[in-house]
PDB file of N, CA and C in Angstrom:
ATOM      1  N   MET A   1      59.132  35.320 162.439  1.00  0.00           N
ATOM      2  CA  MET A   1      59.244  33.960 161.924  1.00  0.00           C
ATOM      3  C   MET A   1      59.660  34.039 160.456  1.00  0.00           C
ATOM      4  N   THR A   2      60.524  33.136 160.058  1.00  0.00           N
ATOM      5  CA  THR A   2      61.017  33.131 158.692  1.00  0.00           C
ATOM      6  C   THR A   2      60.113  32.298 157.787  1.00  0.00           C
ATOM      7  N   LYS A   3      60.281  32.492 156.508  1.00  0.00           N
ATOM      8  CA  LYS A   3      59.545  31.722 155.508  1.00  0.00           C
ATOM      9  C   LYS A   3      60.003  30.265 155.583  1.00  0.00           C
ATOM     10  N   PRO A   4      59.063  29.304 155.530  1.00  0.00           N
ATOM     11  CA  PRO A   4      59.464  27.896 155.614  1.00  0.00           C
ATOM     12  C   PRO A   4      60.362  27.482 154.446  1.00  0.00           C
ATOM     13  N   LEU A   5      61.248  26.573 154.724  1.00  0.00           N
ATOM     14  CA  LEU A   5      62.099  25.962 153.718  1.00  0.00           C
ATOM     15  C   LEU A   5      61.337  24.753 153.186  1.00  0.00           C
ATOM     16  N   VAL A   6      61.116  24.689 151.887  1.00  0.00           N
ATOM     17  CA  VAL A   6      60.358  23.592 151.282  1.00  0.00           C
ATOM     18  C   VAL A   6      61.274  22.840 150.313  1.00  0.00           C
ATOM     19  N   VAL A   7      61.318  21.520 150.490  1.00  0.00           N
ATOM     20  CA  VAL A   7      62.117  20.661 149.614  1.00  0.00           C
ATOM     21  C   VAL A   7      61.199  19.570 149.084  1.00  0.00           C
ATOM     22  N   SER A   8      61.213  19.364 147.776  1.00  0.00           N
ATOM     23  CA  SER A   8      60.446  18.296 147.151  1.00  0.00           C
ATOM     24  C   SER A   8      61.434  17.323 146.522  1.00  0.00           C
ATOM     25  N   ILE A   9      61.306  16.041 146.885  1.00  0.00           N
ATOM     26  CA  ILE A   9      62.234  15.026 146.407  1.00  0.00           C
ATOM     27  C   ILE A   9      61.452  14.009 145.572  1.00  0.00           C
ATOM     28  N   PRO A  10      61.667  13.997 144.269  1.00  0.00           N
ATOM     29  CA  PRO A  10      60.932  13.063 143.408  1.00  0.00           C
ATOM     30  C   PRO A  10      61.428  11.620 143.596  1.00  0.00           C
ATOM     31  N   HIS A  11      60.537  10.676 143.347  1.00  0.00           N
ATOM     32  CA  HIS A  11      60.910   9.263 143.378  1.00  0.00           C
ATOM     33  C   HIS A  11      59.960   8.478 142.470  1.00  0.00           C
ATOM     34  N   ARG A  12      60.314   7.215 142.232  1.00  0.00           N
ATOM     35  CA  ARG A  12      59.488   6.326 141.406  1.00  0.00           C
ATOM     36  C   ARG A  12      59.173   5.035 142.162  1.00  0.00           C
ATOM     37  N   LEU A  13      59.094   5.123 143.466  1.00  0.00           N
ATOM     38  CA  LEU A  13      58.948   3.938 144.308  1.00  0.00           C
ATOM     39  C   LEU A  13      57.505   3.597 144.641  1.00  0.00           C
ATOM     40  N   GLY A  14      56.618   4.528 144.496  1.00  0.00           N
ATOM     41  CA  GLY A  14      55.270   4.361 145.029  1.00  0.00           C
ATOM     42  C   GLY A  14      55.264   4.811 146.482  1.00  0.00           C
ATOM     43  N   LYS A  15      54.088   5.140 146.981  1.00  0.00           N
ATOM     44  CA  LYS A  15      53.979   5.713 148.317  1.00  0.00           C
ATOM     45  C   LYS A  15      54.448   4.756 149.420  1.00  0.00           C
ATOM     46  N   ASP A  16      54.020   3.493 149.369  1.00  0.00           N
ATOM     47  CA  ASP A  16      54.341   2.559 150.450  1.00  0.00           C
ATOM     48  C   ASP A  16      55.840   2.320 150.604  1.00  0.00           C
ATOM     49  N   GLU A  17      56.532   2.094 149.489  1.00  0.00           N
ATOM     50  CA  GLU A  17      57.969   1.854 149.552  1.00  0.00           C
ATOM     51  C   GLU A  17      58.716   3.123 149.956  1.00  0.00           C
ATOM     52  N   ALA A  18      58.294   4.262 149.441  1.00  0.00           N
ATOM     53  CA  ALA A  18      58.935   5.529 149.828  1.00  0.00           C
ATOM     54  C   ALA A  18      58.756   5.779 151.326  1.00  0.00           C
ATOM     55  N   LEU A  19      57.585   5.515 151.830  1.00  0.00           N
ATOM     56  CA  LEU A  19      57.308   5.695 153.261  1.00  0.00           C
ATOM     57  C   LEU A  19      58.192   4.770 154.089  1.00  0.00           C
ATOM     58  N   ARG A  20      58.306   3.517 153.682  1.00  0.00           N
ATOM     59  CA  ARG A  20      59.159   2.562 154.398  1.00  0.00           C
ATOM     60  C   ARG A  20      60.612   3.037 154.420  1.00  0.00           C
ATOM     61  N   ARG A  21      61.104   3.484 153.275  1.00  0.00           N
ATOM     62  CA  ARG A  21      62.496   3.934 153.195  1.00  0.00           C
ATOM     63  C   ARG A  21      62.739   5.209 154.005  1.00  0.00           C
ATOM     64  N   MET A  22      61.776   6.123 153.979  1.00  0.00           N
ATOM     65  CA  MET A  22      61.950   7.359 154.745  1.00  0.00           C
ATOM     66  C   MET A  22      61.986   7.058 156.245  1.00  0.00           C
ATOM     67  N   LYS A  23      61.108   6.189 156.716  1.00  0.00           N
ATOM     68  CA  LYS A  23      61.107   5.829 158.142  1.00  0.00           C
ATOM     69  C   LYS A  23      62.427   5.178 158.535  1.00  0.00           C
ATOM     70  N   ALA A  24      62.902   4.253 157.723  1.00  0.00           N
ATOM     71  CA  ALA A  24      64.178   3.585 158.010  1.00  0.00           C
ATOM     72  C   ALA A  24      65.337   4.580 157.952  1.00  0.00           C
ATOM     73  N   GLY A  25      65.337   5.436 156.951  1.00  0.00           N
ATOM     74  CA  GLY A  25      66.411   6.417 156.789  1.00  0.00           C
ATOM     75  C   GLY A  25      66.447   7.435 157.904  1.00  0.00           C
ATOM     76  N   LEU A  26      65.285   7.860 158.362  1.00  0.00           N
ATOM     77  CA  LEU A  26      65.239   8.830 159.454  1.00  0.00           C
ATOM     78  C   LEU A  26      65.721   8.211 160.760  1.00  0.00           C
ATOM     79  N   GLY A  27      65.431   6.927 160.954  1.00  0.00           N
ATOM     80  CA  GLY A  27      65.942   6.234 162.138  1.00  0.00           C
ATOM     81  C   GLY A  27      67.461   6.185 162.121  1.00  0.00           C
ATOM     82  N   SER A  28      68.044   5.898 160.973  1.00  0.00           N
ATOM     83  CA  SER A  28      69.502   5.866 160.833  1.00  0.00           C
ATOM     84  C   SER A  28      70.099   7.257 161.017  1.00  0.00           C
ATOM     85  N   ALA A  29      69.443   8.271 160.452  1.00  0.00           N
ATOM     86  CA  ALA A  29      69.946   9.643 160.562  1.00  0.00           C
ATOM     87  C   ALA A  29      69.945  10.107 162.018  1.00  0.00           C
ATOM     88  N   ARG A  30      68.923   9.697 162.771  1.00  0.00           N
ATOM     89  CA  ARG A  30      68.855  10.082 164.183  1.00  0.00           C
ATOM     90  C   ARG A  30      70.084   9.581 164.929  1.00  0.00           C
ATOM     91  N   THR A  31      70.505   8.368 164.633  1.00  0.00           N
ATOM     92  CA  THR A  31      71.686   7.795 165.270  1.00  0.00           C
ATOM     93  C   THR A  31      72.965   8.453 164.746  1.00  0.00           C
ATOM     94  N   GLN A  32      73.048   8.603 163.438  1.00  0.00           N
ATOM     95  CA  GLN A  32      74.256   9.147 162.799  1.00  0.00           C
ATOM     96  C   GLN A  32      74.530  10.595 163.210  1.00  0.00           C
ATOM     97  N   TYR A  33      73.477  11.392 163.391  1.00  0.00           N
ATOM     98  CA  TYR A  33      73.655  12.812 163.699  1.00  0.00           C
ATOM     99  C   TYR A  33      73.254  13.151 165.126  1.00  0.00           C
ATOM    100  N   ALA A  34      73.311  12.182 166.022  1.00  0.00           N
ATOM    101  CA  ALA A  34      72.879  12.384 167.413  1.00  0.00           C
ATOM    102  C   ALA A  34      73.647  13.514 168.100  1.00  0.00           C
ATOM    103  N   GLN A  35      74.889  13.734 167.739  1.00  0.00           N
ATOM    104  CA  GLN A  35      75.671  14.797 168.371  1.00  0.00           C
ATOM    105  C   GLN A  35      75.258  16.183 167.885  1.00  0.00           C
ATOM    106  N   LEU A  36      74.546  16.264 166.749  1.00  0.00           N
ATOM    107  CA  LEU A  36      74.146  17.550 166.184  1.00  0.00           C
ATOM    108  C   LEU A  36      72.662  17.857 166.353  1.00  0.00           C
ATOM    109  N   ILE A  37      71.840  16.808 166.370  1.00  0.00           N
ATOM    110  CA  ILE A  37      70.388  16.997 166.366  1.00  0.00           C
ATOM    111  C   ILE A  37      69.740  16.156 167.454  1.00  0.00           C
ATOM    112  N   GLN A  38      68.876  16.790 168.229  1.00  0.00           N
ATOM    113  CA  GLN A  38      68.088  16.090 169.231  1.00  0.00           C
ATOM    114  C   GLN A  38      66.630  16.096 168.765  1.00  0.00           C
ATOM    115  N   VAL A  39      66.025  14.925 168.642  1.00  0.00           N
ATOM    116  CA  VAL A  39      64.630  14.827 168.220  1.00  0.00           C
ATOM    117  C   VAL A  39      63.740  15.038 169.441  1.00  0.00           C
ATOM    118  N   ASN A  40      62.915  16.065 169.394  1.00  0.00           N
ATOM    119  CA  ASN A  40      62.003  16.377 170.495  1.00  0.00           C
ATOM    120  C   ASN A  40      60.634  15.743 170.283  1.00  0.00           C
ATOM    121  N   GLU A  41      60.202  15.684 169.029  1.00  0.00           N
ATOM    122  CA  GLU A  41      58.895  15.123 168.697  1.00  0.00           C
ATOM    123  C   GLU A  41      58.967  14.503 167.317  1.00  0.00           C
ATOM    124  N   GLU A  42      58.341  13.329 167.175  1.00  0.00           N
ATOM    125  CA  GLU A  42      58.262  12.647 165.888  1.00  0.00           C
ATOM    126  C   GLU A  42      56.948  11.882 165.901  1.00  0.00           C
ATOM    127  N   VAL A  43      55.950  12.397 165.181  1.00  0.00           N
ATOM    128  CA  VAL A  43      54.625  11.786 165.178  1.00  0.00           C
ATOM    129  C   VAL A  43      54.212  11.485 163.741  1.00  0.00           C
ATOM    130  N   TRP A  44      54.072  10.195 163.450  1.00  0.00           N
ATOM    131  CA  TRP A  44      53.590   9.768 162.145  1.00  0.00           C
ATOM    132  C   TRP A  44      52.085   9.605 162.206  1.00  0.00           C
ATOM    133  N   SER A  45      51.402  10.125 161.210  1.00  0.00           N
ATOM    134  CA  SER A  45      49.964   9.951 161.057  1.00  0.00           C
ATOM    135  C   SER A  45      49.728   9.602 159.593  1.00  0.00           C
ATOM    136  N   GLY A  46      49.634   8.315 159.308  1.00  0.00           N
ATOM    137  CA  GLY A  46      49.517   7.880 157.921  1.00  0.00           C
ATOM    138  C   GLY A  46      50.788   8.185 157.163  1.00  0.00           C
ATOM    139  N   ASP A  47      50.670   9.017 156.118  1.00  0.00           N
ATOM    140  CA  ASP A  47      51.815   9.363 155.264  1.00  0.00           C
ATOM    141  C   ASP A  47      52.478  10.668 155.692  1.00  0.00           C
ATOM    142  N   ARG A  48      52.099  11.201 156.829  1.00  0.00           N
ATOM    143  CA  ARG A  48      52.598  12.505 157.270  1.00  0.00           C
ATOM    144  C   ARG A  48      53.381  12.370 158.570  1.00  0.00           C
ATOM    145  N   LEU A  49      54.535  13.024 158.593  1.00  0.00           N
ATOM    146  CA  LEU A  49      55.360  13.118 159.790  1.00  0.00           C
ATOM    147  C   LEU A  49      55.352  14.569 160.255  1.00  0.00           C
ATOM    148  N   VAL A  50      55.030  14.773 161.523  1.00  0.00           N
ATOM    149  CA  VAL A  50      55.154  16.083 162.157  1.00  0.00           C
ATOM    150  C   VAL A  50      56.307  15.937 163.140  1.00  0.00           C
ATOM    151  N   PHE A  51      57.262  16.844 163.072  1.00  0.00           N
ATOM    152  CA  PHE A  51      58.435  16.690 163.924  1.00  0.00           C
ATOM    153  C   PHE A  51      58.923  18.025 164.484  1.00  0.00           C
ATOM    154  N   SER A  52      59.713  17.890 165.526  1.00  0.00           N
ATOM    155  CA  SER A  52      60.376  19.028 166.145  1.00  0.00           C
ATOM    156  C   SER A  52      61.743  18.541 166.610  1.00  0.00           C
ATOM    157  N   VAL A  53      62.777  19.286 166.264  1.00  0.00           N
ATOM    158  CA  VAL A  53      64.134  18.924 166.657  1.00  0.00           C
ATOM    159  C   VAL A  53      64.863  20.157 167.185  1.00  0.00           C
ATOM    160  N   THR A  54      65.941  19.902 167.886  1.00  0.00           N
ATOM    161  CA  THR A  54      66.849  20.970 168.296  1.00  0.00           C
ATOM    162  C   THR A  54      68.158  20.747 167.550  1.00  0.00           C
ATOM    163  N   ALA A  55      68.591  21.763 166.816  1.00  0.00           N
ATOM    164  CA  ALA A  55      69.839  21.706 166.055  1.00  0.00           C
ATOM    165  C   ALA A  55      70.620  22.973 166.347  1.00  0.00           C
ATOM    166  N   MET A  56      71.861  22.825 166.748  1.00  0.00           N
ATOM    167  CA  MET A  56      72.697  23.977 167.095  1.00  0.00           C
ATOM    168  C   MET A  56      71.989  24.862 168.123  1.00  0.00           C
ATOM    169  N   LYS A  57      71.347  24.226 169.089  1.00  0.00           N
ATOM    170  CA  LYS A  57      70.620  24.899 170.166  1.00  0.00           C
ATOM    171  C   LYS A  57      69.454  25.748 169.658  1.00  0.00           C
ATOM    172  N   GLN A  58      68.984  25.448 168.458  1.00  0.00           N
ATOM    173  CA  GLN A  58      67.870  26.167 167.846  1.00  0.00           C
ATOM    174  C   GLN A  58      66.710  25.193 167.619  1.00  0.00           C
ATOM    175  N   GLN A  59      65.474  25.630 167.900  1.00  0.00           N
ATOM    176  CA  GLN A  59      64.287  24.815 167.673  1.00  0.00           C
ATOM    177  C   GLN A  59      63.903  24.836 166.192  1.00  0.00           C
ATOM    178  N   VAL A  60      63.677  23.666 165.641  1.00  0.00           N
ATOM    179  CA  VAL A  60      63.278  23.507 164.246  1.00  0.00           C
ATOM    180  C   VAL A  60      62.053  22.600 164.230  1.00  0.00           C
ATOM    181  N   SER A  61      61.042  22.980 163.462  1.00  0.00           N
ATOM    182  CA  SER A  61      59.859  22.130 163.356  1.00  0.00           C
ATOM    183  C   SER A  61      59.517  21.959 161.885  1.00  0.00           C
ATOM    184  N   GLY A  62      58.767  20.903 161.609  1.00  0.00           N
ATOM    185  CA  GLY A  62      58.420  20.684 160.218  1.00  0.00           C
ATOM    186  C   GLY A  62      57.409  19.588 160.009  1.00  0.00           C
ATOM    187  N   ILE A  63      57.071  19.426 158.737  1.00  0.00           N
ATOM    188  CA  ILE A  63      56.115  18.423 158.286  1.00  0.00           C
ATOM    189  C   ILE A  63      56.709  17.756 157.056  1.00  0.00           C
ATOM    190  N   MET A  64      56.581  16.436 157.013  1.00  0.00           N
ATOM    191  CA  MET A  64      56.997  15.702 155.825  1.00  0.00           C
ATOM    192  C   MET A  64      55.809  14.883 155.343  1.00  0.00           C
ATOM    193  N   ASP A  65      55.469  15.025 154.071  1.00  0.00           N
ATOM    194  CA  ASP A  65      54.389  14.262 153.456  1.00  0.00           C
ATOM    195  C   ASP A  65      54.983  13.363 152.379  1.00  0.00           C
ATOM    196  N   VAL A  66      54.577  12.092 152.395  1.00  0.00           N
ATOM    197  CA  VAL A  66      55.043  11.131 151.403  1.00  0.00           C
ATOM    198  C   VAL A  66      53.906  10.911 150.402  1.00  0.00           C
ATOM    199  N   PHE A  67      54.203  11.175 149.132  1.00  0.00           N
ATOM    200  CA  PHE A  67      53.233  11.006 148.055  1.00  0.00           C
ATOM    201  C   PHE A  67      53.679   9.876 147.133  1.00  0.00           C
ATOM    202  N   GLU A  68      52.837   9.525 146.200  1.00  0.00           N
ATOM    203  CA  GLU A  68      53.096   8.443 145.258  1.00  0.00           C
ATOM    204  C   GLU A  68      54.372   8.677 144.458  1.00  0.00           C
ATOM    205  N   ASP A  69      54.676   9.954 144.117  1.00  0.00           N
ATOM    206  CA  ASP A  69      55.813  10.245 143.242  1.00  0.00           C
ATOM    207  C   ASP A  69      56.817  11.244 143.797  1.00  0.00           C
ATOM    208  N   HIS A  70      56.610  11.718 145.022  1.00  0.00           N
ATOM    209  CA  HIS A  70      57.575  12.619 145.638  1.00  0.00           C
ATOM    210  C   HIS A  70      57.356  12.700 147.150  1.00  0.00           C
ATOM    211  N   VAL A  71      58.378  13.200 147.819  1.00  0.00           N
ATOM    212  CA  VAL A  71      58.308  13.486 149.252  1.00  0.00           C
ATOM    213  C   VAL A  71      58.456  14.993 149.384  1.00  0.00           C
ATOM    214  N   ARG A  72      57.565  15.597 150.168  1.00  0.00           N
ATOM    215  CA  ARG A  72      57.607  17.047 150.377  1.00  0.00           C
ATOM    216  C   ARG A  72      57.931  17.319 151.831  1.00  0.00           C
ATOM    217  N   LEU A  73      58.969  18.088 152.052  1.00  0.00           N
ATOM    218  CA  LEU A  73      59.401  18.452 153.392  1.00  0.00           C
ATOM    219  C   LEU A  73      59.282  19.962 153.547  1.00  0.00           C
ATOM    220  N   GLU A  74      58.603  20.391 154.595  1.00  0.00           N
ATOM    221  CA  GLU A  74      58.475  21.811 154.903  1.00  0.00           C
ATOM    222  C   GLU A  74      59.015  22.021 156.310  1.00  0.00           C
ATOM    223  N   VAL A  75      60.043  22.835 156.425  1.00  0.00           N
ATOM    224  CA  VAL A  75      60.731  23.054 157.698  1.00  0.00           C
ATOM    225  C   VAL A  75      60.700  24.539 158.041  1.00  0.00           C
ATOM    226  N   THR A  76      60.310  24.819 159.276  1.00  0.00           N
ATOM    227  CA  THR A  76      60.335  26.189 159.772  1.00  0.00           C
ATOM    228  C   THR A  76      61.617  26.367 160.579  1.00  0.00           C
ATOM    229  N   LEU A  77      62.473  27.244 160.092  1.00  0.00           N
ATOM    230  CA  LEU A  77      63.776  27.469 160.707  1.00  0.00           C
ATOM    231  C   LEU A  77      63.780  28.772 161.505  1.00  0.00           C
ATOM    232  N   PRO A  78      64.468  28.796 162.639  1.00  0.00           N
ATOM    233  CA  PRO A  78      64.656  30.061 163.341  1.00  0.00           C
ATOM    234  C   PRO A  78      65.594  30.963 162.542  1.00  0.00           C
ATOM    235  N   TRP A  79      65.619  32.215 162.898  1.00  0.00           N
ATOM    236  CA  TRP A  79      66.387  33.206 162.146  1.00  0.00           C
ATOM    237  C   TRP A  79      67.824  32.774 161.899  1.00  0.00           C
ATOM    238  N   LEU A  80      68.511  32.300 162.928  1.00  0.00           N
ATOM    239  CA  LEU A  80      69.920  31.928 162.785  1.00  0.00           C
ATOM    240  C   LEU A  80      70.110  30.849 161.722  1.00  0.00           C
ATOM    241  N   LEU A  81      69.315  29.809 161.784  1.00  0.00           N
ATOM    242  CA  LEU A  81      69.457  28.727 160.811  1.00  0.00           C
ATOM    243  C   LEU A  81      68.918  29.106 159.434  1.00  0.00           C
ATOM    244  N   SER A  82      67.984  30.034 159.381  1.00  0.00           N
ATOM    245  CA  SER A  82      67.454  30.457 158.077  1.00  0.00           C
ATOM    246  C   SER A  82      68.543  31.132 157.244  1.00  0.00           C
ATOM    247  N   ARG A  83      69.539  31.686 157.896  1.00  0.00           N
ATOM    248  CA  ARG A  83      70.663  32.300 157.179  1.00  0.00           C
ATOM    249  C   ARG A  83      71.467  31.231 156.432  1.00  0.00           C
ATOM    250  N   LEU A  84      71.348  29.971 156.874  1.00  0.00           N
ATOM    251  CA  LEU A  84      72.067  28.860 156.261  1.00  0.00           C
ATOM    252  C   LEU A  84      71.151  28.016 155.372  1.00  0.00           C
ATOM    253  N   ALA A  85      69.945  28.505 155.096  1.00  0.00           N
ATOM    254  CA  ALA A  85      68.902  27.717 154.430  1.00  0.00           C
ATOM    255  C   ALA A  85      69.338  27.126 153.095  1.00  0.00           C
ATOM    256  N   HIS A  86      70.065  27.879 152.292  1.00  0.00           N
ATOM    257  CA  HIS A  86      70.459  27.378 150.975  1.00  0.00           C
ATOM    258  C   HIS A  86      71.303  26.108 151.121  1.00  0.00           C
ATOM    259  N   GLY A  87      72.276  26.132 152.014  1.00  0.00           N
ATOM    260  CA  GLY A  87      73.117  24.958 152.245  1.00  0.00           C
ATOM    261  C   GLY A  87      72.337  23.813 152.858  1.00  0.00           C
ATOM    262  N   ILE A  88      71.446  24.122 153.785  1.00  0.00           N
ATOM    263  CA  ILE A  88      70.626  23.103 154.430  1.00  0.00           C
ATOM    264  C   ILE A  88      69.726  22.434 153.390  1.00  0.00           C
ATOM    265  N   GLN A  89      69.167  23.225 152.493  1.00  0.00           N
ATOM    266  CA  GLN A  89      68.278  22.692 151.460  1.00  0.00           C
ATOM    267  C   GLN A  89      69.018  21.681 150.586  1.00  0.00           C
ATOM    268  N   GLY A  90      70.229  21.992 150.218  1.00  0.00           N
ATOM    269  CA  GLY A  90      71.025  21.078 149.402  1.00  0.00           C
ATOM    270  C   GLY A  90      71.319  19.769 150.117  1.00  0.00           C
ATOM    271  N   VAL A  91      71.640  19.847 151.390  1.00  0.00           N
ATOM    272  CA  VAL A  91      71.924  18.639 152.175  1.00  0.00           C
ATOM    273  C   VAL A  91      70.667  17.786 152.289  1.00  0.00           C
ATOM    274  N   ILE A  92      69.527  18.397 152.579  1.00  0.00           N
ATOM    275  CA  ILE A  92      68.268  17.663 152.692  1.00  0.00           C
ATOM    276  C   ILE A  92      67.943  16.983 151.365  1.00  0.00           C
ATOM    277  N   GLN A  93      68.088  17.706 150.274  1.00  0.00           N
ATOM    278  CA  GLN A  93      67.805  17.155 148.939  1.00  0.00           C
ATOM    279  C   GLN A  93      68.691  15.942 148.668  1.00  0.00           C
ATOM    280  N   LYS A  94      69.977  16.062 148.960  1.00  0.00           N
ATOM    281  CA  LYS A  94      70.929  14.983 148.689  1.00  0.00           C
ATOM    282  C   LYS A  94      70.639  13.761 149.552  1.00  0.00           C
ATOM    283  N   LYS A  95      70.460  13.958 150.866  1.00  0.00           N
ATOM    284  CA  LYS A  95      70.219  12.839 151.772  1.00  0.00           C
ATOM    285  C   LYS A  95      68.873  12.172 151.475  1.00  0.00           C
ATOM    286  N   GLY A  96      67.863  12.965 151.191  1.00  0.00           N
ATOM    287  CA  GLY A  96      66.560  12.412 150.853  1.00  0.00           C
ATOM    288  C   GLY A  96      66.595  11.593 149.578  1.00  0.00           C
ATOM    289  N   THR A  97      67.297  12.086 148.586  1.00  0.00           N
ATOM    290  CA  THR A  97      67.436  11.353 147.326  1.00  0.00           C
ATOM    291  C   THR A  97      68.141  10.032 147.550  1.00  0.00           C
ATOM    292  N   LEU A  98      69.180  10.026 148.384  1.00  0.00           N
ATOM    293  CA  LEU A  98      69.890   8.776 148.678  1.00  0.00           C
ATOM    294  C   LEU A  98      68.972   7.760 149.349  1.00  0.00           C
ATOM    295  N   MET A  99      68.080   8.214 150.232  1.00  0.00           N
ATOM    296  CA  MET A  99      67.146   7.307 150.907  1.00  0.00           C
ATOM    297  C   MET A  99      66.154   6.694 149.915  1.00  0.00           C
ATOM    298  N   LEU A 100      65.840   7.435 148.856  1.00  0.00           N
ATOM    299  CA  LEU A 100      64.789   7.006 147.934  1.00  0.00           C
ATOM    300  C   LEU A 100      65.317   6.369 146.642  1.00  0.00           C
ATOM    301  N   GLU A 101      66.627   6.287 146.478  1.00  0.00           N
ATOM    302  CA  GLU A 101      67.170   5.695 145.248  1.00  0.00           C
ATOM    303  C   GLU A 101      66.834   4.212 145.186  1.00  0.00           C
ATOM    304  N   LYS A 102      66.662   3.735 143.982  1.00  0.00           N
ATOM    305  CA  LYS A 102      66.422   2.296 143.782  1.00  0.00           C
ATOM    306  C   LYS A 102      67.640   1.516 144.247  1.00  0.00           C
ATOM    307  N   LYS A 103      67.393   0.423 144.948  1.00  0.00           N
ATOM    308  CA  LYS A 103      68.510  -0.428 145.401  1.00  0.00           C
ATOM    309  C   LYS A 103      68.275  -1.839 144.965  1.00  0.00           C
TER     310      LYS A 103
END
């Protein structure tokens, strides 16, 4: 098993608004990337999301916690996808920041 990929995305929205935006953004992402990612499990418990997806025929699991001033995402990648971790981390950071920007 590879070392988890951890991404922290700062925000100034407060926990409730950040949580609302993340839920809405993840729903949109599921539709937008349906050809690349299949969601196997998505369980919200308060401010925490536990999920499992299939990407490029590889199982990926993770946890996302929404805090007052940041969102923390921890993803466990299989060996094949871990080789692409640096690029994946940048994409997650960018997309997460877009979801949390003030509008």
